[in-house]
Amino acid sequence: MIIVLKANQPKEKVDSFIKKLTGSYDVQVNTWVGAHSTVLGLLGDTTAVDEEYIAAQEVVDSVRRVQEPYKKANRKFHPEDTVITLPGGQKIGGGTLALIAGPCSVESEEQICLVAESVKKSGASFLRGGAFKPRTSPYAFQGMKAEGLELLSKAKERTGLPIVTEIMSAEHLPLFDDVDVIQVGARNMQNFELLKRLGKLDKPILLKRGLANTIEELLMSAEYIMAEGNEQVLLCERGIRTYETMTRNTLDISAVPVIKRLSHLPVIVDPSHASGINWLIEPLAIAAAAVGADGLIIEVHNDPSHALCDGAQSITPDQFDSLAKKVNTVFGTVHSL
């Protein structure tokens, strides 16, 4: 249930009203204070709440019930876009296009530092790199694990770029202290115990959509994290599995405006995993910027043909430099309309 309060209500009256709600009903009240109004979101069993009684209160402007099962991720509860700001000042959301770039997997200190320096020069504000790699085949390269995280930290020290990397298990959390944004991969989107553990952190979580999951299921997974107290969630469209075989996955470009209509959370697009083909990354990235994505996560490798993981969907630093210029131009043009 959502309760919109009248403008310019005294804080004492609002606090008294909230106390009355929590004392009368088995609900939790989330308060969102916007530029022009204050919105109260009632979470819990609202079946016993008398809408007419609530609407008659002096401080209340309007009341409505919310049918969607996700509440904290719902734009109705939080009308303005969420902007996630890192300690270093980097932002995701709020009218900017965040570029997250780096190799699929960390392979050596020389490799990760070289790529980090290159993508930073081209405008990337975050460094991605896999230390723990979920692979379809048990015989494929699984990543450098703890050593890979150490090498990411060295690249961060050299460039200042915040680290974005994937976690496979809650058991690995002690190793992720220096990681700035923890990524939950497509295969773990509904690993609810992991999501609940991440919900207890004060750290942004990049949540990727599952291979065959609906948008509502993605939002419900975000709700698992937010329900535990961590509201710093980024939603990532990375392509879904369809009957089409020409690409690794099918990028659901319509998911970007749909999610932004339903939710206040920032939306990131991953054209690398969506296509699996390096020459498709640029046009898909441009499309994502055009439909309003808040950021892009792109695989960049200094030598894709010899990459230990996903070389076919990686672009070179020079290609990333060209792509960055184009997507920023498109993003800026669309936002100026």
Protein backbone atom coordinates (compact mmCIF):
# COMPACT_ATOMS: atom_id res chain seq x y z
CA MET A 1 0.00 0.00 0.00
CA ILE A 2 1.19 3.53 -0.82
CA ILE A 3 0.19 6.63 1.12
CA VAL A 4 1.01 10.01 -0.40
CA LEU A 5 1.11 12.77 2.18
CA LYS A 6 0.04 16.36 1.63
CA ALA A 7 2.84 18.83 0.94
CA ASN A 8 4.57 20.77 3.71
CA GLN A 9 3.25 18.71 6.61
CA PRO A 10 4.96 19.30 10.01
CA LYS A 11 7.44 16.56 10.89
CA GLU A 12 5.72 16.00 14.23
CA LYS A 13 2.40 15.20 12.55
CA VAL A 14 4.05 12.86 10.04
CA ASP A 15 5.98 11.03 12.77
CA SER A 16 2.80 10.69 14.84
CA PHE A 17 0.91 9.29 11.84
CA ILE A 18 3.65 6.73 11.13
CA LYS A 19 3.69 5.68 14.79
CA LYS A 20 -0.08 5.20 14.62
CA LEU A 21 0.26 3.01 11.51
CA THR A 22 2.92 0.72 12.99
CA GLY A 23 1.03 0.53 16.27
CA SER A 24 -2.31 -0.33 14.69
CA TYR A 25 -1.24 -2.71 11.91
CA ASP A 26 1.37 -5.42 11.37
CA VAL A 27 3.29 -3.39 8.82
CA GLN A 28 6.68 -1.81 8.23
CA VAL A 29 6.64 1.78 6.95
CA ASN A 30 9.25 2.95 4.44
CA THR A 31 9.44 6.71 4.00
CA TRP A 32 10.54 8.39 0.78
CA VAL A 33 10.91 12.17 0.83
CA GLY A 34 10.87 13.73 -2.62
CA ALA A 35 11.13 17.27 -3.88
CA HIS A 36 7.37 17.83 -3.91
CA SER A 37 5.83 15.09 -1.79
CA THR A 38 6.42 12.45 0.85
CA VAL A 39 5.45 8.85 0.13
CA LEU A 40 4.92 6.15 2.75
CA GLY A 41 5.20 2.55 1.62
CA LEU A 42 3.49 -0.03 3.82
CA LEU A 43 5.16 -3.43 3.70
CA GLY A 44 3.59 -6.52 5.23
CA ASP A 45 0.03 -7.70 5.62
CA THR A 46 -2.06 -4.67 4.60
CA THR A 47 -5.34 -6.56 4.23
CA ALA A 48 -6.59 -5.20 7.55
CA VAL A 49 -5.70 -1.59 6.72
CA ASP A 50 -8.83 0.55 6.29
CA GLU A 51 -8.21 2.72 3.22
CA GLU A 52 -11.08 5.08 3.97
CA TYR A 53 -9.86 5.66 7.52
CA ILE A 54 -6.31 6.34 6.26
CA ALA A 55 -7.53 8.68 3.52
CA ALA A 56 -9.48 10.70 6.10
CA GLN A 57 -6.38 11.56 8.11
CA GLU A 58 -5.31 15.21 8.08
CA VAL A 59 -1.84 14.61 6.64
CA VAL A 60 -2.92 12.22 3.86
CA ASP A 61 -3.41 13.25 0.24
CA SER A 62 -4.14 9.85 -1.36
CA VAL A 63 -4.01 6.08 -0.74
CA ARG A 64 -3.67 3.17 -3.15
CA ARG A 65 -2.86 -0.50 -3.01
CA VAL A 66 0.06 -2.00 -4.91
CA GLN A 67 -0.58 -5.33 -6.61
CA GLU A 68 2.99 -6.10 -7.68
CA PRO A 69 4.78 -8.53 -5.33
CA TYR A 70 7.97 -6.44 -5.33
CA LYS A 71 7.67 -3.38 -3.11
CA LYS A 72 11.06 -1.88 -2.36
CA ALA A 73 12.13 -2.11 -6.01
CA ASN A 74 8.82 -0.64 -7.16
CA ARG A 75 8.80 2.86 -8.66
CA LYS A 76 5.41 3.50 -7.04
CA PHE A 77 7.14 3.38 -3.66
CA HIS A 78 10.10 5.44 -4.85
CA PRO A 79 9.04 7.74 -7.72
CA GLU A 80 12.46 9.27 -8.42
CA ASP A 81 15.37 7.32 -9.93
CA THR A 82 17.88 5.85 -7.52
CA VAL A 83 21.42 7.14 -7.99
CA ILE A 84 24.20 4.99 -6.57
CA THR A 85 27.32 6.92 -5.55
CA LEU A 86 30.57 5.20 -4.64
CA PRO A 87 33.04 6.57 -2.07
CA GLY A 88 35.28 7.77 -4.90
CA GLY A 89 32.48 9.88 -6.37
CA GLN A 90 31.60 7.59 -9.28
CA LYS A 91 27.85 7.58 -9.97
CA ILE A 92 25.46 5.15 -11.62
CA GLY A 93 22.09 6.63 -12.55
CA GLY A 94 20.87 10.19 -12.45
CA GLY A 95 21.37 11.08 -16.09
CA THR A 96 24.89 9.74 -16.55
CA LEU A 97 26.13 6.74 -18.56
CA ALA A 98 28.50 4.59 -16.49
CA LEU A 99 31.01 2.57 -18.50
CA ILE A 100 32.20 -0.63 -16.83
CA ALA A 101 34.97 -2.30 -18.82
CA GLY A 102 37.64 -4.94 -18.50
CA PRO A 103 38.48 -8.55 -19.36
CA CYS A 104 36.18 -11.50 -18.86
CA SER A 105 38.77 -13.01 -16.55
CA VAL A 106 41.91 -11.79 -14.82
CA GLU A 107 44.89 -13.61 -16.32
CA SER A 108 47.96 -11.77 -15.01
CA GLU A 109 48.98 -8.54 -13.31
CA GLU A 110 50.36 -7.18 -16.59
CA GLN A 111 47.13 -7.95 -18.44
CA ILE A 112 44.66 -6.50 -15.94
CA CYS A 113 46.71 -3.35 -15.29
CA LEU A 114 47.23 -2.73 -19.01
CA VAL A 115 43.52 -3.07 -19.75
CA ALA A 116 42.57 -0.97 -16.73
CA GLU A 117 44.81 1.90 -17.80
CA SER A 118 43.52 1.71 -21.37
CA VAL A 119 39.80 1.73 -20.57
CA LYS A 120 40.25 4.53 -18.04
CA LYS A 121 41.81 6.72 -20.73
CA SER A 122 38.77 6.02 -22.91
CA GLY A 123 36.31 7.11 -20.24
CA ALA A 124 35.49 3.97 -18.27
CA SER A 125 34.68 4.75 -14.65
CA PHE A 126 34.67 1.13 -13.40
CA LEU A 127 36.93 -1.89 -13.96
CA ARG A 128 35.34 -5.28 -14.47
CA GLY A 129 37.25 -8.53 -14.31
CA GLY A 130 36.43 -12.09 -13.36
CA ALA A 131 38.33 -13.80 -10.54
CA PHE A 132 35.79 -16.58 -9.94
CA LYS A 133 34.37 -17.79 -13.25
CA PRO A 134 31.24 -19.94 -13.58
CA ARG A 135 31.71 -22.06 -16.69
CA THR A 136 29.39 -24.50 -18.43
CA SER A 137 32.20 -27.02 -18.73
CA PRO A 138 34.04 -28.20 -15.58
CA TYR A 139 37.21 -28.42 -17.71
CA ALA A 140 37.18 -24.76 -18.76
CA PHE A 141 39.27 -22.07 -17.05
CA GLN A 142 37.62 -21.27 -13.70
CA GLY A 143 39.50 -18.07 -12.94
CA MET A 144 42.41 -17.19 -10.66
CA LYS A 145 40.10 -16.88 -7.63
CA ALA A 146 41.73 -15.17 -4.60
CA GLU A 147 44.87 -14.33 -6.58
CA GLY A 148 42.68 -12.73 -9.24
CA LEU A 149 41.06 -10.49 -6.62
CA GLU A 150 44.52 -9.41 -5.46
CA LEU A 151 45.46 -8.50 -9.02
CA LEU A 152 42.24 -6.50 -9.42
CA SER A 153 43.19 -4.59 -6.27
CA LYS A 154 46.59 -3.80 -7.77
CA ALA A 155 44.90 -2.47 -10.92
CA LYS A 156 42.62 -0.38 -8.72
CA GLU A 157 45.62 1.06 -6.84
CA ARG A 158 47.25 1.98 -10.14
CA THR A 159 44.21 3.54 -11.84
CA GLY A 160 41.72 4.44 -9.12
CA LEU A 161 38.96 2.55 -10.93
CA PRO A 162 36.45 0.81 -8.63
CA ILE A 163 36.29 -2.98 -9.02
CA VAL A 164 33.26 -4.87 -10.34
CA THR A 165 33.59 -8.64 -10.07
CA GLU A 166 31.39 -11.70 -9.67
CA ILE A 167 30.82 -13.71 -6.52
CA MET A 168 30.02 -17.43 -6.70
CA SER A 169 29.37 -18.27 -3.08
CA ALA A 170 28.65 -16.48 0.19
CA GLU A 171 31.66 -18.37 1.58
CA HIS A 172 33.88 -16.10 -0.53
CA LEU A 173 32.58 -12.85 1.02
CA PRO A 174 35.64 -12.33 3.28
CA LEU A 175 37.74 -12.10 0.11
CA PHE A 176 35.55 -9.33 -1.34
CA ASP A 177 36.34 -6.56 1.14
CA ASP A 178 38.22 -4.54 -1.49
CA VAL A 179 35.57 -5.10 -4.19
CA ASP A 180 33.44 -2.00 -4.80
CA VAL A 181 30.52 -3.55 -6.70
CA ILE A 182 29.70 -7.25 -6.27
CA GLN A 183 28.23 -8.89 -9.35
CA VAL A 184 25.68 -11.70 -9.12
CA GLY A 185 25.82 -13.69 -12.35
CA ALA A 186 22.88 -14.96 -14.39
CA ARG A 187 23.21 -18.47 -12.97
CA ASN A 188 22.92 -17.14 -9.41
CA MET A 189 20.05 -14.72 -9.94
CA GLN A 190 17.76 -16.97 -7.91
CA ASN A 191 20.33 -18.17 -5.40
CA PHE A 192 18.17 -16.69 -2.65
CA GLU A 193 20.47 -17.53 0.26
CA LEU A 194 23.32 -15.70 -1.48
CA LEU A 195 21.03 -12.74 -2.24
CA LYS A 196 19.99 -12.51 1.42
CA ARG A 197 23.63 -12.47 2.54
CA LEU A 198 24.43 -9.71 0.04
CA GLY A 199 21.43 -7.82 1.37
CA LYS A 200 23.22 -7.40 4.69
CA LEU A 201 26.16 -5.57 3.08
CA ASP A 202 26.60 -1.83 2.63
CA LYS A 203 27.87 -2.25 -0.91
CA PRO A 204 26.33 -1.99 -4.42
CA ILE A 205 25.19 -5.26 -5.99
CA LEU A 206 25.05 -5.73 -9.77
CA LEU A 207 22.30 -8.30 -10.32
CA LYS A 208 22.22 -9.98 -13.72
CA ARG A 209 19.03 -11.31 -15.25
CA GLY A 210 18.92 -15.10 -15.54
CA LEU A 211 19.11 -16.93 -18.85
CA ALA A 212 15.37 -17.62 -18.97
CA ASN A 213 13.95 -15.37 -16.29
CA THR A 214 11.19 -12.81 -16.64
CA ILE A 215 11.55 -9.15 -15.72
CA GLU A 216 9.29 -9.67 -12.71
CA GLU A 217 11.51 -12.51 -11.50
CA LEU A 218 14.54 -10.22 -11.81
CA LEU A 219 12.76 -7.56 -9.74
CA MET A 220 11.79 -10.16 -7.15
CA SER A 221 15.44 -11.21 -6.86
CA ALA A 222 16.34 -7.57 -6.30
CA GLU A 223 13.66 -7.51 -3.62
CA TYR A 224 15.47 -10.31 -1.75
CA ILE A 225 18.55 -8.09 -1.47
CA MET A 226 16.62 -4.93 -0.61
CA ALA A 227 14.41 -6.65 1.97
CA GLU A 228 17.55 -7.37 4.02
CA GLY A 229 18.45 -3.67 4.10
CA ASN A 230 20.75 -3.15 1.10
CA GLU A 231 18.98 -0.88 -1.39
CA GLN A 232 22.07 -0.34 -3.59
CA VAL A 233 21.00 -2.68 -6.39
CA LEU A 234 21.83 -2.41 -10.09
CA LEU A 235 19.76 -4.46 -12.53
CA CYS A 236 21.57 -5.90 -15.53
CA GLU A 237 20.02 -7.03 -18.82
CA ARG A 238 22.54 -9.46 -20.34
CA GLY A 239 20.45 -11.27 -22.92
CA ILE A 240 18.05 -14.17 -22.53
CA ARG A 241 17.89 -17.60 -24.10
CA THR A 242 15.49 -17.85 -27.05
CA TYR A 243 15.16 -20.14 -30.07
CA GLU A 244 17.56 -17.89 -32.04
CA THR A 245 21.00 -19.46 -32.60
CA MET A 246 22.80 -16.71 -34.52
CA THR A 247 23.85 -15.04 -31.25
CA ARG A 248 24.91 -16.40 -27.87
CA ASN A 249 21.76 -14.92 -26.31
CA THR A 250 19.08 -12.46 -27.44
CA LEU A 251 19.45 -8.95 -26.02
CA ASP A 252 16.06 -7.89 -24.69
CA ILE A 253 16.48 -4.19 -25.45
CA SER A 254 12.86 -3.53 -24.51
CA ALA A 255 13.69 -4.65 -20.97
CA VAL A 256 15.46 -1.33 -20.34
CA PRO A 257 12.45 1.01 -20.70
CA VAL A 258 10.14 -1.62 -19.19
CA ILE A 259 12.27 -1.99 -16.05
CA LYS A 260 12.71 1.77 -15.75
CA ARG A 261 8.94 2.17 -15.88
CA LEU A 262 8.42 -0.44 -13.16
CA SER A 263 11.42 0.28 -10.95
CA HIS A 264 13.55 3.16 -9.72
CA LEU A 265 16.74 1.07 -9.77
CA PRO A 266 19.51 1.79 -12.32
CA VAL A 267 19.67 -0.50 -15.37
CA ILE A 268 22.93 -1.75 -16.86
CA VAL A 269 23.20 -3.52 -20.23
CA ASP A 270 25.78 -6.20 -21.06
CA PRO A 271 26.12 -6.40 -24.87
CA SER A 272 29.09 -8.77 -24.61
CA HIS A 273 27.23 -11.71 -23.08
CA ALA A 274 24.09 -10.86 -25.02
CA SER A 275 25.76 -11.27 -28.39
CA GLY A 276 28.83 -13.44 -27.86
CA ILE A 277 30.22 -11.79 -31.02
CA ASN A 278 32.68 -8.90 -30.82
CA TRP A 279 31.42 -6.97 -33.88
CA LEU A 280 27.90 -6.89 -32.45
CA ILE A 281 28.92 -5.23 -29.20
CA GLU A 282 29.12 -1.68 -30.55
CA PRO A 283 25.68 -1.53 -32.23
CA LEU A 284 24.03 -3.17 -29.23
CA ALA A 285 25.78 -0.75 -26.86
CA ILE A 286 24.58 2.19 -28.97
CA ALA A 287 21.03 0.81 -28.86
CA ALA A 288 21.23 0.46 -25.08
CA ALA A 289 22.39 4.05 -24.71
CA ALA A 290 19.55 5.20 -26.97
CA VAL A 291 16.79 3.51 -24.94
CA GLY A 292 17.98 4.95 -21.63
CA ALA A 293 20.36 2.46 -20.01
CA ASP A 294 22.23 3.91 -17.03
CA GLY A 295 25.39 2.02 -17.86
CA LEU A 296 27.16 -0.57 -19.98
CA ILE A 297 29.37 -3.47 -18.88
CA ILE A 298 31.70 -4.48 -21.69
CA GLU A 299 34.44 -7.09 -22.01
CA VAL A 300 37.73 -5.59 -23.16
CA HIS A 301 40.90 -7.66 -23.63
CA ASN A 302 44.31 -6.58 -24.88
CA ASP A 303 44.63 -9.80 -26.94
CA PRO A 304 41.17 -11.36 -27.49
CA SER A 305 42.41 -14.16 -29.75
CA HIS A 306 44.49 -15.54 -26.86
CA ALA A 307 42.05 -14.83 -24.04
CA LEU A 308 41.54 -17.68 -21.57
CA CYS A 309 37.81 -16.95 -21.42
CA ASP A 310 35.25 -15.57 -23.91
CA GLY A 311 37.70 -14.05 -26.36
CA ALA A 312 35.09 -14.13 -29.14
CA GLN A 313 32.94 -11.60 -27.27
CA SER A 314 35.78 -9.30 -26.22
CA ILE A 315 36.85 -6.12 -27.96
CA THR A 316 40.28 -4.48 -27.96
CA PRO A 317 41.10 -1.26 -26.07
CA ASP A 318 41.13 0.66 -29.37
CA GLN A 319 37.68 -0.67 -30.25
CA PHE A 320 36.44 0.28 -26.79
CA ASP A 321 37.78 3.80 -27.25
CA SER A 322 35.75 4.16 -30.45
CA LEU A 323 32.67 2.63 -28.84
CA ALA A 324 32.89 4.93 -25.79
CA LYS A 325 32.87 8.03 -27.97
CA LYS A 326 29.83 6.85 -29.92
CA VAL A 327 27.70 5.73 -26.97
CA ASN A 328 28.39 8.95 -25.07
CA THR A 329 27.34 10.97 -28.13
CA VAL A 330 24.12 8.98 -28.51
CA PHE A 331 23.37 9.11 -24.78
CA GLY A 332 23.93 12.85 -24.65
CA THR A 333 21.81 13.46 -27.75
CA VAL A 334 18.87 11.39 -26.47
CA HIS A 335 18.93 13.04 -23.04
CA SER A 336 18.95 16.50 -24.59
CA LEU A 337 15.73 15.88 -26.55
